[in-house]
């Protein structure tokens, strides 16, 4: 069992969740149950899945949950791009978040490699 709160990738992903919430609170109200909900759930899924995997009994399980977390990060990226195309988010914000997501994705990949599964 891993101590997820000590993982820098979990900490960074938690910061990302806060940023996404701040971004989506400015979306049009008609997106509340659509894109806003989906983006918030994706963002939350990244650190939550890392934590869930860290609590599993095997390294193989942890590796699997890290892969799911990685998938959520790519899903969130897609939603950010769509948000820009719909005019909800400025390109500068998307580019900043892309850098954050890329950093988290790299951290997840490195953590997965360190597990030697």
PDB file of N, CA and C in Angstrom:
ATOM      1  N   UNK A   1       0.839  -1.175   0.000  1.00  0.00           N
ATOM      2  CA  UNK A   1       0.000   0.000   0.000  1.00  0.00           C
ATOM      3  C   UNK A   1       0.889   1.245   0.000  1.00  0.00           C
ATOM      4  N   UNK A   2       0.545   2.205  -0.853  1.00  0.00           N
ATOM      5  CA  UNK A   2       1.327   3.428  -1.002  1.00  0.00           C
ATOM      6  C   UNK A   2       0.660   4.577  -0.245  1.00  0.00           C
ATOM      7  N   UNK A   3       1.452   5.498   0.191  1.00  0.00           N
ATOM      8  CA  UNK A   3       0.936   6.692   0.874  1.00  0.00           C
ATOM      9  C   UNK A   3       0.670   7.758  -0.184  1.00  0.00           C
ATOM     10  N   UNK A   4      -0.540   7.775  -0.683  1.00  0.00           N
ATOM     11  CA  UNK A   4      -0.865   8.634  -1.817  1.00  0.00           C
ATOM     12  C   UNK A   4      -0.704  10.119  -1.516  1.00  0.00           C
ATOM     13  N   UNK A   5      -0.948  10.534  -0.277  1.00  0.00           N
ATOM     14  CA  UNK A   5      -0.837  11.958   0.055  1.00  0.00           C
ATOM     15  C   UNK A   5       0.601  12.457  -0.074  1.00  0.00           C
ATOM     16  N   UNK A   6       1.552  11.549  -0.012  1.00  0.00           N
ATOM     17  CA  UNK A   6       2.959  11.907  -0.145  1.00  0.00           C
ATOM     18  C   UNK A   6       3.419  11.921  -1.609  1.00  0.00           C
ATOM     19  N   UNK A   7       2.602  11.410  -2.498  1.00  0.00           N
ATOM     20  CA  UNK A   7       2.964  11.369  -3.913  1.00  0.00           C
ATOM     21  C   UNK A   7       2.814  12.760  -4.518  1.00  0.00           C
ATOM     22  N   UNK A   8       3.882  13.264  -5.106  1.00  0.00           N
ATOM     23  CA  UNK A   8       3.825  14.604  -5.705  1.00  0.00           C
ATOM     24  C   UNK A   8       2.831  14.654  -6.860  1.00  0.00           C
ATOM     25  N   UNK A   9       2.629  13.545  -7.547  1.00  0.00           N
ATOM     26  CA  UNK A   9       1.664  13.520  -8.643  1.00  0.00           C
ATOM     27  C   UNK A   9       0.243  13.694  -8.103  1.00  0.00           C
ATOM     28  N   UNK A  10      -0.058  13.112  -6.958  1.00  0.00           N
ATOM     29  CA  UNK A  10      -1.377  13.283  -6.343  1.00  0.00           C
ATOM     30  C   UNK A  10      -1.564  14.736  -5.917  1.00  0.00           C
ATOM     31  N   UNK A  11      -0.539  15.314  -5.316  1.00  0.00           N
ATOM     32  CA  UNK A  11      -0.608  16.714  -4.871  1.00  0.00           C
ATOM     33  C   UNK A  11      -0.819  17.654  -6.051  1.00  0.00           C
ATOM     34  N   UNK A  12      -0.084  17.424  -7.122  1.00  0.00           N
ATOM     35  CA  UNK A  12      -0.200  18.253  -8.325  1.00  0.00           C
ATOM     36  C   UNK A  12      -1.592  18.088  -8.955  1.00  0.00           C
ATOM     37  N   UNK A  13      -2.098  16.881  -8.961  1.00  0.00           N
ATOM     38  CA  UNK A  13      -3.430  16.627  -9.519  1.00  0.00           C
ATOM     39  C   UNK A  13      -4.512  17.301  -8.681  1.00  0.00           C
ATOM     40  N   UNK A  14      -4.321  17.364  -7.380  1.00  0.00           N
ATOM     41  CA  UNK A  14      -5.274  18.065  -6.511  1.00  0.00           C
ATOM     42  C   UNK A  14      -5.292  19.557  -6.835  1.00  0.00           C
ATOM     43  N   UNK A  15      -4.142  20.133  -7.105  1.00  0.00           N
ATOM     44  CA  UNK A  15      -4.071  21.541  -7.502  1.00  0.00           C
ATOM     45  C   UNK A  15      -4.804  21.762  -8.829  1.00  0.00           C
ATOM     46  N   UNK A  16      -4.667  20.810  -9.730  1.00  0.00           N
ATOM     47  CA  UNK A  16      -5.341  20.886 -11.023  1.00  0.00           C
ATOM     48  C   UNK A  16      -6.858  20.921 -10.850  1.00  0.00           C
ATOM     49  N   UNK A  17      -7.377  20.115  -9.934  1.00  0.00           N
ATOM     50  CA  UNK A  17      -8.821  20.084  -9.690  1.00  0.00           C
ATOM     51  C   UNK A  17      -9.324  21.475  -9.313  1.00  0.00           C
ATOM     52  N   UNK A  18      -8.609  22.136  -8.426  1.00  0.00           N
ATOM     53  CA  UNK A  18      -9.005  23.478  -7.991  1.00  0.00           C
ATOM     54  C   UNK A  18      -9.012  24.439  -9.180  1.00  0.00           C
ATOM     55  N   UNK A  19      -7.993  24.359 -10.010  1.00  0.00           N
ATOM     56  CA  UNK A  19      -7.914  25.235 -11.191  1.00  0.00           C
ATOM     57  C   UNK A  19      -9.077  24.978 -12.160  1.00  0.00           C
ATOM     58  N   UNK A  20      -9.396  23.723 -12.374  1.00  0.00           N
ATOM     59  CA  UNK A  20     -10.500  23.382 -13.282  1.00  0.00           C
ATOM     60  C   UNK A  20     -11.824  23.902 -12.725  1.00  0.00           C
ATOM     61  N   UNK A  21     -12.038  23.755 -11.445  1.00  0.00           N
ATOM     62  CA  UNK A  21     -13.265  24.277 -10.841  1.00  0.00           C
ATOM     63  C   UNK A  21     -13.372  25.790 -11.037  1.00  0.00           C
ATOM     64  N   UNK A  22     -12.265  26.485 -10.888  1.00  0.00           N
ATOM     65  CA  UNK A  22     -12.270  27.940 -11.085  1.00  0.00           C
ATOM     66  C   UNK A  22     -12.576  28.302 -12.533  1.00  0.00           C
ATOM     67  N   UNK A  23     -12.064  27.509 -13.450  1.00  0.00           N
ATOM     68  CA  UNK A  23     -12.315  27.754 -14.874  1.00  0.00           C
ATOM     69  C   UNK A  23     -13.783  27.493 -15.207  1.00  0.00           C
ATOM     70  N   UNK A  24     -14.310  26.351 -14.769  1.00  0.00           N
ATOM     71  CA  UNK A  24     -15.666  25.959 -15.164  1.00  0.00           C
ATOM     72  C   UNK A  24     -16.753  26.779 -14.475  1.00  0.00           C
ATOM     73  N   UNK A  25     -16.443  27.423 -13.371  1.00  0.00           N
ATOM     74  CA  UNK A  25     -17.484  28.231 -12.719  1.00  0.00           C
ATOM     75  C   UNK A  25     -17.859  29.453 -13.560  1.00  0.00           C
ATOM     76  N   UNK A  26     -17.051  29.756 -14.558  1.00  0.00           N
ATOM     77  CA  UNK A  26     -17.321  30.889 -15.448  1.00  0.00           C
ATOM     78  C   UNK A  26     -18.058  30.468 -16.728  1.00  0.00           C
ATOM     79  N   UNK A  27     -18.317  29.189 -16.882  1.00  0.00           N
ATOM     80  CA  UNK A  27     -19.020  28.697 -18.064  1.00  0.00           C
ATOM     81  C   UNK A  27     -20.487  29.141 -18.025  1.00  0.00           C
ATOM     82  N   UNK A  28     -21.142  29.136 -19.181  1.00  0.00           N
ATOM     83  CA  UNK A  28     -22.567  29.473 -19.207  1.00  0.00           C
ATOM     84  C   UNK A  28     -23.380  28.503 -18.338  1.00  0.00           C
ATOM     85  N   UNK A  29     -24.438  29.004 -17.766  1.00  0.00           N
ATOM     86  CA  UNK A  29     -25.249  28.183 -16.861  1.00  0.00           C
ATOM     87  C   UNK A  29     -25.858  26.964 -17.563  1.00  0.00           C
ATOM     88  N   UNK A  30     -26.113  27.062 -18.865  1.00  0.00           N
ATOM     89  CA  UNK A  30     -26.698  25.912 -19.562  1.00  0.00           C
ATOM     90  C   UNK A  30     -25.719  24.738 -19.684  1.00  0.00           C
ATOM     91  N   UNK A  31     -24.433  24.967 -19.374  1.00  0.00           N
ATOM     92  CA  UNK A  31     -23.436  23.886 -19.405  1.00  0.00           C
ATOM     93  C   UNK A  31     -23.254  23.223 -18.033  1.00  0.00           C
ATOM     94  N   UNK A  32     -24.017  23.679 -17.044  1.00  0.00           N
ATOM     95  CA  UNK A  32     -23.859  23.182 -15.667  1.00  0.00           C
ATOM     96  C   UNK A  32     -23.927  21.655 -15.584  1.00  0.00           C
ATOM     97  N   UNK A  33     -24.874  21.064 -16.280  1.00  0.00           N
ATOM     98  CA  UNK A  33     -25.043  19.613 -16.220  1.00  0.00           C
ATOM     99  C   UNK A  33     -24.386  18.901 -17.404  1.00  0.00           C
ATOM    100  N   UNK A  34     -23.722  19.667 -18.240  1.00  0.00           N
ATOM    101  CA  UNK A  34     -23.040  19.095 -19.396  1.00  0.00           C
ATOM    102  C   UNK A  34     -21.538  19.160 -19.229  1.00  0.00           C
ATOM    103  N   UNK A  35     -20.938  20.077 -19.944  1.00  0.00           N
ATOM    104  CA  UNK A  35     -19.483  20.185 -19.978  1.00  0.00           C
ATOM    105  C   UNK A  35     -18.878  20.509 -18.603  1.00  0.00           C
ATOM    106  N   UNK A  36     -19.526  21.374 -17.836  1.00  0.00           N
ATOM    107  CA  UNK A  36     -19.001  21.719 -16.507  1.00  0.00           C
ATOM    108  C   UNK A  36     -18.925  20.472 -15.634  1.00  0.00           C
ATOM    109  N   UNK A  37     -20.010  19.736 -15.586  1.00  0.00           N
ATOM    110  CA  UNK A  37     -20.056  18.524 -14.773  1.00  0.00           C
ATOM    111  C   UNK A  37     -19.012  17.510 -15.238  1.00  0.00           C
ATOM    112  N   UNK A  38     -18.923  17.325 -16.542  1.00  0.00           N
ATOM    113  CA  UNK A  38     -17.986  16.347 -17.098  1.00  0.00           C
ATOM    114  C   UNK A  38     -16.535  16.731 -16.811  1.00  0.00           C
ATOM    115  N   UNK A  39     -16.210  18.007 -16.998  1.00  0.00           N
ATOM    116  CA  UNK A  39     -14.827  18.447 -16.755  1.00  0.00           C
ATOM    117  C   UNK A  39     -14.460  18.333 -15.282  1.00  0.00           C
ATOM    118  N   UNK A  40     -15.380  18.729 -14.418  1.00  0.00           N
ATOM    119  CA  UNK A  40     -15.101  18.622 -12.981  1.00  0.00           C
ATOM    120  C   UNK A  40     -14.917  17.171 -12.566  1.00  0.00           C
ATOM    121  N   UNK A  41     -15.771  16.285 -13.093  1.00  0.00           N
ATOM    122  CA  UNK A  41     -15.641  14.868 -12.746  1.00  0.00           C
ATOM    123  C   UNK A  41     -14.336  14.275 -13.266  1.00  0.00           C
ATOM    124  N   UNK A  42     -13.927  14.663 -14.464  1.00  0.00           N
ATOM    125  CA  UNK A  42     -12.650  14.180 -15.014  1.00  0.00           C
ATOM    126  C   UNK A  42     -11.487  14.651 -14.158  1.00  0.00           C
ATOM    127  N   UNK A  43     -11.519  15.929 -13.812  1.00  0.00           N
ATOM    128  CA  UNK A  43     -10.435  16.489 -12.996  1.00  0.00           C
ATOM    129  C   UNK A  43     -10.357  15.776 -11.653  1.00  0.00           C
ATOM    130  N   UNK A  44     -11.500  15.584 -11.017  1.00  0.00           N
ATOM    131  CA  UNK A  44     -11.543  14.898  -9.722  1.00  0.00           C
ATOM    132  C   UNK A  44     -11.066  13.459  -9.852  1.00  0.00           C
ATOM    133  N   UNK A  45     -11.368  12.850 -10.979  1.00  0.00           N
ATOM    134  CA  UNK A  45     -11.006  11.453 -11.196  1.00  0.00           C
ATOM    135  C   UNK A  45      -9.496  11.226 -11.186  1.00  0.00           C
ATOM    136  N   UNK A  46      -8.734  12.204 -11.602  1.00  0.00           N
ATOM    137  CA  UNK A  46      -7.278  12.008 -11.701  1.00  0.00           C
ATOM    138  C   UNK A  46      -6.665  11.722 -10.329  1.00  0.00           C
ATOM    139  N   UNK A  47      -6.773  12.613  -9.333  1.00  0.00           N
ATOM    140  CA  UNK A  47      -6.182  12.299  -8.031  1.00  0.00           C
ATOM    141  C   UNK A  47      -6.955  11.214  -7.273  1.00  0.00           C
ATOM    142  N   UNK A  48      -8.275  11.154  -7.493  1.00  0.00           N
ATOM    143  CA  UNK A  48      -9.071  10.148  -6.787  1.00  0.00           C
ATOM    144  C   UNK A  48      -8.673   8.740  -7.200  1.00  0.00           C
ATOM    145  N   UNK A  49      -8.428   8.543  -8.480  1.00  0.00           N
ATOM    146  CA  UNK A  49      -8.050   7.221  -8.973  1.00  0.00           C
ATOM    147  C   UNK A  49      -6.633   6.854  -8.532  1.00  0.00           C
ATOM    148  N   UNK A  50      -5.768   7.856  -8.469  1.00  0.00           N
ATOM    149  CA  UNK A  50      -4.420   7.608  -7.933  1.00  0.00           C
ATOM    150  C   UNK A  50      -4.532   7.140  -6.481  1.00  0.00           C
ATOM    151  N   UNK A  51      -5.359   7.827  -5.705  1.00  0.00           N
ATOM    152  CA  UNK A  51      -5.540   7.461  -4.300  1.00  0.00           C
ATOM    153  C   UNK A  51      -6.144   6.068  -4.163  1.00  0.00           C
ATOM    154  N   UNK A  52      -7.151   5.786  -4.978  1.00  0.00           N
ATOM    155  CA  UNK A  52      -7.785   4.472  -4.915  1.00  0.00           C
ATOM    156  C   UNK A  52      -6.787   3.365  -5.247  1.00  0.00           C
ATOM    157  N   UNK A  53      -6.001   3.581  -6.288  1.00  0.00           N
ATOM    158  CA  UNK A  53      -5.005   2.581  -6.669  1.00  0.00           C
ATOM    159  C   UNK A  53      -3.939   2.390  -5.610  1.00  0.00           C
ATOM    160  N   UNK A  54      -3.560   3.500  -4.964  1.00  0.00           N
ATOM    161  CA  UNK A  54      -2.541   3.408  -3.909  1.00  0.00           C
ATOM    162  C   UNK A  54      -3.030   2.569  -2.740  1.00  0.00           C
ATOM    163  N   UNK A  55      -4.336   2.535  -2.557  1.00  0.00           N
ATOM    164  CA  UNK A  55      -4.905   1.759  -1.462  1.00  0.00           C
ATOM    165  C   UNK A  55      -5.120   0.293  -1.772  1.00  0.00           C
ATOM    166  N   UNK A  56      -4.853  -0.103  -2.989  1.00  0.00           N
ATOM    167  CA  UNK A  56      -5.017  -1.505  -3.367  1.00  0.00           C
ATOM    168  C   UNK A  56      -3.862  -2.338  -2.827  1.00  0.00           C
ATOM    169  N   UNK A  57      -4.073  -3.634  -2.817  1.00  0.00           N
ATOM    170  CA  UNK A  57      -3.098  -4.528  -2.195  1.00  0.00           C
ATOM    171  C   UNK A  57      -1.913  -4.905  -3.066  1.00  0.00           C
ATOM    172  N   UNK A  58      -2.054  -4.753  -4.374  1.00  0.00           N
ATOM    173  CA  UNK A  58      -0.956  -5.188  -5.235  1.00  0.00           C
ATOM    174  C   UNK A  58      -0.436  -4.040  -6.095  1.00  0.00           C
ATOM    175  N   UNK A  59       0.803  -4.162  -6.475  1.00  0.00           N
ATOM    176  CA  UNK A  59       1.425  -3.190  -7.362  1.00  0.00           C
ATOM    177  C   UNK A  59       0.745  -3.216  -8.728  1.00  0.00           C
ATOM    178  N   UNK A  60       0.339  -4.404  -9.157  1.00  0.00           N
ATOM    179  CA  UNK A  60      -0.353  -4.543 -10.445  1.00  0.00           C
ATOM    180  C   UNK A  60      -1.659  -3.735 -10.429  1.00  0.00           C
ATOM    181  N   UNK A  61      -2.392  -3.798  -9.323  1.00  0.00           N
ATOM    182  CA  UNK A  61      -3.627  -3.019  -9.205  1.00  0.00           C
ATOM    183  C   UNK A  61      -3.325  -1.522  -9.243  1.00  0.00           C
ATOM    184  N   UNK A  62      -2.288  -1.111  -8.541  1.00  0.00           N
ATOM    185  CA  UNK A  62      -1.918   0.302  -8.519  1.00  0.00           C
ATOM    186  C   UNK A  62      -1.588   0.770  -9.927  1.00  0.00           C
ATOM    187  N   UNK A  63      -0.834  -0.031 -10.662  1.00  0.00           N
ATOM    188  CA  UNK A  63      -0.479   0.290 -12.042  1.00  0.00           C
ATOM    189  C   UNK A  63      -1.731   0.463 -12.902  1.00  0.00           C
ATOM    190  N   UNK A  64      -2.702  -0.412 -12.701  1.00  0.00           N
ATOM    191  CA  UNK A  64      -3.954  -0.344 -13.458  1.00  0.00           C
ATOM    192  C   UNK A  64      -4.698   0.970 -13.172  1.00  0.00           C
ATOM    193  N   UNK A  65      -4.765   1.351 -11.907  1.00  0.00           N
ATOM    194  CA  UNK A  65      -5.460   2.584 -11.543  1.00  0.00           C
ATOM    195  C   UNK A  65      -4.709   3.820 -12.033  1.00  0.00           C
ATOM    196  N   UNK A  66      -3.398   3.740 -12.086  1.00  0.00           N
ATOM    197  CA  UNK A  66      -2.626   4.849 -12.662  1.00  0.00           C
ATOM    198  C   UNK A  66      -2.953   5.013 -14.141  1.00  0.00           C
ATOM    199  N   UNK A  67      -3.155   3.895 -14.832  1.00  0.00           N
ATOM    200  CA  UNK A  67      -3.529   3.950 -16.247  1.00  0.00           C
ATOM    201  C   UNK A  67      -4.898   4.601 -16.418  1.00  0.00           C
ATOM    202  N   UNK A  68      -5.819   4.309 -15.538  1.00  0.00           N
ATOM    203  CA  UNK A  68      -7.149   4.935 -15.586  1.00  0.00           C
ATOM    204  C   UNK A  68      -7.024   6.432 -15.336  1.00  0.00           C
ATOM    205  N   UNK A  69      -6.205   6.805 -14.371  1.00  0.00           N
ATOM    206  CA  UNK A  69      -5.978   8.219 -14.065  1.00  0.00           C
ATOM    207  C   UNK A  69      -5.407   8.939 -15.283  1.00  0.00           C
ATOM    208  N   UNK A  70      -4.492   8.298 -15.956  1.00  0.00           N
ATOM    209  CA  UNK A  70      -3.897   8.865 -17.167  1.00  0.00           C
ATOM    210  C   UNK A  70      -4.972   9.081 -18.235  1.00  0.00           C
ATOM    211  N   UNK A  71      -5.847   8.116 -18.384  1.00  0.00           N
ATOM    212  CA  UNK A  71      -6.951   8.246 -19.333  1.00  0.00           C
ATOM    213  C   UNK A  71      -7.850   9.428 -19.009  1.00  0.00           C
ATOM    214  N   UNK A  72      -8.136   9.636 -17.739  1.00  0.00           N
ATOM    215  CA  UNK A  72      -8.955  10.779 -17.322  1.00  0.00           C
ATOM    216  C   UNK A  72      -8.278  12.094 -17.670  1.00  0.00           C
ATOM    217  N   UNK A  73      -6.956  12.131 -17.578  1.00  0.00           N
ATOM    218  CA  UNK A  73      -6.239  13.364 -17.903  1.00  0.00           C
ATOM    219  C   UNK A  73      -6.351  13.691 -19.393  1.00  0.00           C
ATOM    220  N   UNK A  74      -6.328  12.672 -20.245  1.00  0.00           N
ATOM    221  CA  UNK A  74      -6.481  12.898 -21.681  1.00  0.00           C
ATOM    222  C   UNK A  74      -7.926  13.300 -22.016  1.00  0.00           C
ATOM    223  N   UNK A  75      -8.859  12.720 -21.310  1.00  0.00           N
ATOM    224  CA  UNK A  75     -10.263  13.098 -21.482  1.00  0.00           C
ATOM    225  C   UNK A  75     -10.466  14.568 -21.106  1.00  0.00           C
ATOM    226  N   UNK A  76      -9.872  14.982 -19.993  1.00  0.00           N
ATOM    227  CA  UNK A  76      -9.974  16.374 -19.566  1.00  0.00           C
ATOM    228  C   UNK A  76      -9.347  17.314 -20.589  1.00  0.00           C
ATOM    229  N   UNK A  77      -8.223  16.907 -21.157  1.00  0.00           N
ATOM    230  CA  UNK A  77      -7.589  17.732 -22.183  1.00  0.00           C
ATOM    231  C   UNK A  77      -8.518  17.943 -23.369  1.00  0.00           C
ATOM    232  N   UNK A  78      -9.170  16.885 -23.797  1.00  0.00           N
ATOM    233  CA  UNK A  78     -10.108  16.972 -24.910  1.00  0.00           C
ATOM    234  C   UNK A  78     -11.232  17.959 -24.589  1.00  0.00           C
ATOM    235  N   UNK A  79     -11.721  17.921 -23.370  1.00  0.00           N
ATOM    236  CA  UNK A  79     -12.801  18.817 -22.963  1.00  0.00           C
ATOM    237  C   UNK A  79     -12.332  20.269 -22.879  1.00  0.00           C
ATOM    238  N   UNK A  80     -11.089  20.486 -22.507  1.00  0.00           N
ATOM    239  CA  UNK A  80     -10.537  21.843 -22.511  1.00  0.00           C
ATOM    240  C   UNK A  80     -10.462  22.401 -23.933  1.00  0.00           C
ATOM    241  N   UNK A  81     -10.009  21.570 -24.857  1.00  0.00           N
ATOM    242  CA  UNK A  81      -9.928  21.991 -26.260  1.00  0.00           C
ATOM    243  C   UNK A  81     -11.328  22.323 -26.776  1.00  0.00           C
ATOM    244  N   UNK A  82     -12.301  21.480 -26.469  1.00  0.00           N
ATOM    245  CA  UNK A  82     -13.678  21.732 -26.877  1.00  0.00           C
ATOM    246  C   UNK A  82     -14.196  23.032 -26.261  1.00  0.00           C
ATOM    247  N   UNK A  83     -13.878  23.261 -25.008  1.00  0.00           N
ATOM    248  CA  UNK A  83     -14.305  24.483 -24.321  1.00  0.00           C
ATOM    249  C   UNK A  83     -13.766  25.719 -25.016  1.00  0.00           C
ATOM    250  N   UNK A  84     -12.555  25.626 -25.511  1.00  0.00           N
ATOM    251  CA  UNK A  84     -11.980  26.734 -26.267  1.00  0.00           C
ATOM    252  C   UNK A  84     -12.721  26.924 -27.589  1.00  0.00           C
ATOM    253  N   UNK A  85     -12.988  25.832 -28.273  1.00  0.00           N
ATOM    254  CA  UNK A  85     -13.681  25.917 -29.565  1.00  0.00           C
ATOM    255  C   UNK A  85     -15.090  26.481 -29.418  1.00  0.00           C
ATOM    256  N   UNK A  86     -15.701  26.258 -28.258  1.00  0.00           N
ATOM    257  CA  UNK A  86     -17.040  26.793 -27.986  1.00  0.00           C
ATOM    258  C   UNK A  86     -16.996  28.230 -27.483  1.00  0.00           C
ATOM    259  N   UNK A  87     -15.773  28.724 -27.244  1.00  0.00           N
ATOM    260  CA  UNK A  87     -15.621  30.101 -26.792  1.00  0.00           C
ATOM    261  C   UNK A  87     -15.754  30.307 -25.298  1.00  0.00           C
ATOM    262  N   UNK A  88     -15.665  29.220 -24.520  1.00  0.00           N
ATOM    263  CA  UNK A  88     -15.816  29.315 -23.069  1.00  0.00           C
ATOM    264  C   UNK A  88     -14.495  29.594 -22.358  1.00  0.00           C
ATOM    265  N   UNK A  89     -13.388  29.192 -22.995  1.00  0.00           N
ATOM    266  CA  UNK A  89     -12.065  29.316 -22.378  1.00  0.00           C
ATOM    267  C   UNK A  89     -11.097  29.908 -23.399  1.00  0.00           C
ATOM    268  N   UNK A  90     -10.324  30.888 -22.964  1.00  0.00           N
ATOM    269  CA  UNK A  90      -9.323  31.508 -23.838  1.00  0.00           C
ATOM    270  C   UNK A  90      -8.196  30.520 -24.127  1.00  0.00           C
ATOM    271  N   UNK A  91      -7.585  30.670 -25.284  1.00  0.00           N
ATOM    272  CA  UNK A  91      -6.485  29.786 -25.687  1.00  0.00           C
ATOM    273  C   UNK A  91      -5.336  29.833 -24.684  1.00  0.00           C
ATOM    274  N   UNK A  92      -5.069  30.996 -24.113  1.00  0.00           N
ATOM    275  CA  UNK A  92      -3.981  31.117 -23.122  1.00  0.00           C
ATOM    276  C   UNK A  92      -4.240  30.218 -21.915  1.00  0.00           C
ATOM    277  N   UNK A  93      -5.492  30.134 -21.500  1.00  0.00           N
ATOM    278  CA  UNK A  93      -5.858  29.279 -20.365  1.00  0.00           C
ATOM    279  C   UNK A  93      -5.690  27.814 -20.751  1.00  0.00           C
ATOM    280  N   UNK A  94      -6.136  27.472 -21.942  1.00  0.00           N
ATOM    281  CA  UNK A  94      -5.993  26.091 -22.424  1.00  0.00           C
ATOM    282  C   UNK A  94      -4.524  25.710 -22.483  1.00  0.00           C
ATOM    283  N   UNK A  95      -3.691  26.583 -23.016  1.00  0.00           N
ATOM    284  CA  UNK A  95      -2.257  26.287 -23.115  1.00  0.00           C
ATOM    285  C   UNK A  95      -1.628  26.106 -21.738  1.00  0.00           C
ATOM    286  N   UNK A  96      -2.021  26.922 -20.779  1.00  0.00           N
ATOM    287  CA  UNK A  96      -1.508  26.775 -19.411  1.00  0.00           C
ATOM    288  C   UNK A  96      -1.927  25.430 -18.824  1.00  0.00           C
ATOM    289  N   UNK A  97      -3.185  25.075 -19.038  1.00  0.00           N
ATOM    290  CA  UNK A  97      -3.682  23.809 -18.506  1.00  0.00           C
ATOM    291  C   UNK A  97      -3.065  22.619 -19.237  1.00  0.00           C
ATOM    292  N   UNK A  98      -2.779  22.779 -20.523  1.00  0.00           N
ATOM    293  CA  UNK A  98      -2.101  21.713 -21.265  1.00  0.00           C
ATOM    294  C   UNK A  98      -0.732  21.422 -20.661  1.00  0.00           C
ATOM    295  N   UNK A  99      -0.026  22.467 -20.270  1.00  0.00           N
ATOM    296  CA  UNK A  99       1.281  22.277 -19.630  1.00  0.00           C
ATOM    297  C   UNK A  99       1.129  21.551 -18.296  1.00  0.00           C
ATOM    298  N   UNK A 100       0.128  21.949 -17.527  1.00  0.00           N
ATOM    299  CA  UNK A 100      -0.127  21.285 -16.239  1.00  0.00           C
ATOM    300  C   UNK A 100      -0.466  19.812 -16.451  1.00  0.00           C
ATOM    301  N   UNK A 101      -1.354  19.566 -17.403  1.00  0.00           N
ATOM    302  CA  UNK A 101      -1.746  18.181 -17.682  1.00  0.00           C
ATOM    303  C   UNK A 101      -0.570  17.354 -18.184  1.00  0.00           C
ATOM    304  N   UNK A 102       0.237  17.914 -19.061  1.00  0.00           N
ATOM    305  CA  UNK A 102       1.402  17.191 -19.579  1.00  0.00           C
ATOM    306  C   UNK A 102       2.359  16.844 -18.450  1.00  0.00           C
ATOM    307  N   UNK A 103       2.536  17.767 -17.529  1.00  0.00           N
ATOM    308  CA  UNK A 103       3.414  17.512 -16.388  1.00  0.00           C
ATOM    309  C   UNK A 103       2.865  16.367 -15.533  1.00  0.00           C
ATOM    310  N   UNK A 104       1.573  16.395 -15.260  1.00  0.00           N
ATOM    311  CA  UNK A 104       0.946  15.327 -14.474  1.00  0.00           C
ATOM    312  C   UNK A 104       1.018  14.004 -15.228  1.00  0.00           C
ATOM    313  N   UNK A 105       0.756  14.024 -16.524  1.00  0.00           N
ATOM    314  CA  UNK A 105       0.827  12.800 -17.320  1.00  0.00           C
ATOM    315  C   UNK A 105       2.228  12.200 -17.276  1.00  0.00           C
ATOM    316  N   UNK A 106       3.239  13.045 -17.397  1.00  0.00           N
ATOM    317  CA  UNK A 106       4.621  12.557 -17.318  1.00  0.00           C
ATOM    318  C   UNK A 106       4.917  11.963 -15.949  1.00  0.00           C
ATOM    319  N   UNK A 107       4.407  12.590 -14.912  1.00  0.00           N
ATOM    320  CA  UNK A 107       4.616  12.077 -13.562  1.00  0.00           C
ATOM    321  C   UNK A 107       3.957  10.709 -13.383  1.00  0.00           C
ATOM    322  N   UNK A 108       2.750  10.559 -13.928  1.00  0.00           N
ATOM    323  CA  UNK A 108       2.046   9.271 -13.835  1.00  0.00           C
ATOM    324  C   UNK A 108       2.820   8.197 -14.587  1.00  0.00           C
ATOM    325  N   UNK A 109       3.272   8.521 -15.783  1.00  0.00           N
ATOM    326  CA  UNK A 109       4.034   7.552 -16.583  1.00  0.00           C
ATOM    327  C   UNK A 109       5.309   7.134 -15.848  1.00  0.00           C
ATOM    328  N   UNK A 110       6.019   8.085 -15.273  1.00  0.00           N
ATOM    329  CA  UNK A 110       7.240   7.748 -14.531  1.00  0.00           C
ATOM    330  C   UNK A 110       6.933   6.885 -13.313  1.00  0.00           C
ATOM    331  N   UNK A 111       5.831   7.209 -12.627  1.00  0.00           N
ATOM    332  CA  UNK A 111       5.444   6.393 -11.468  1.00  0.00           C
ATOM    333  C   UNK A 111       5.107   4.981 -11.927  1.00  0.00           C
ATOM    334  N   UNK A 112       4.389   4.844 -13.023  1.00  0.00           N
ATOM    335  CA  UNK A 112       4.068   3.525 -13.553  1.00  0.00           C
ATOM    336  C   UNK A 112       5.335   2.746 -13.868  1.00  0.00           C
ATOM    337  N   UNK A 113       6.302   3.396 -14.508  1.00  0.00           N
ATOM    338  CA  UNK A 113       7.568   2.720 -14.855  1.00  0.00           C
ATOM    339  C   UNK A 113       8.327   2.288 -13.607  1.00  0.00           C
ATOM    340  N   UNK A 114       8.231   3.104 -12.562  1.00  0.00           N
ATOM    341  CA  UNK A 114       8.956   2.769 -11.323  1.00  0.00           C
ATOM    342  C   UNK A 114       8.372   1.549 -10.614  1.00  0.00           C
ATOM    343  N   UNK A 115       7.137   1.207 -10.951  1.00  0.00           N
ATOM    344  CA  UNK A 115       6.491   0.053 -10.306  1.00  0.00           C
ATOM    345  C   UNK A 115       7.017  -1.274 -10.840  1.00  0.00           C
ATOM    346  N   UNK A 116       7.624  -1.249 -12.020  1.00  0.00           N
ATOM    347  CA  UNK A 116       8.194  -2.448 -12.637  1.00  0.00           C
ATOM    348  C   UNK A 116       7.189  -3.588 -12.771  1.00  0.00           C
ATOM    349  N   UNK A 117       6.025  -3.265 -13.259  1.00  0.00           N
ATOM    350  CA  UNK A 117       4.982  -4.305 -13.426  1.00  0.00           C
ATOM    351  C   UNK A 117       5.118  -4.939 -14.786  1.00  0.00           C
TER     352      UNK A 117
END
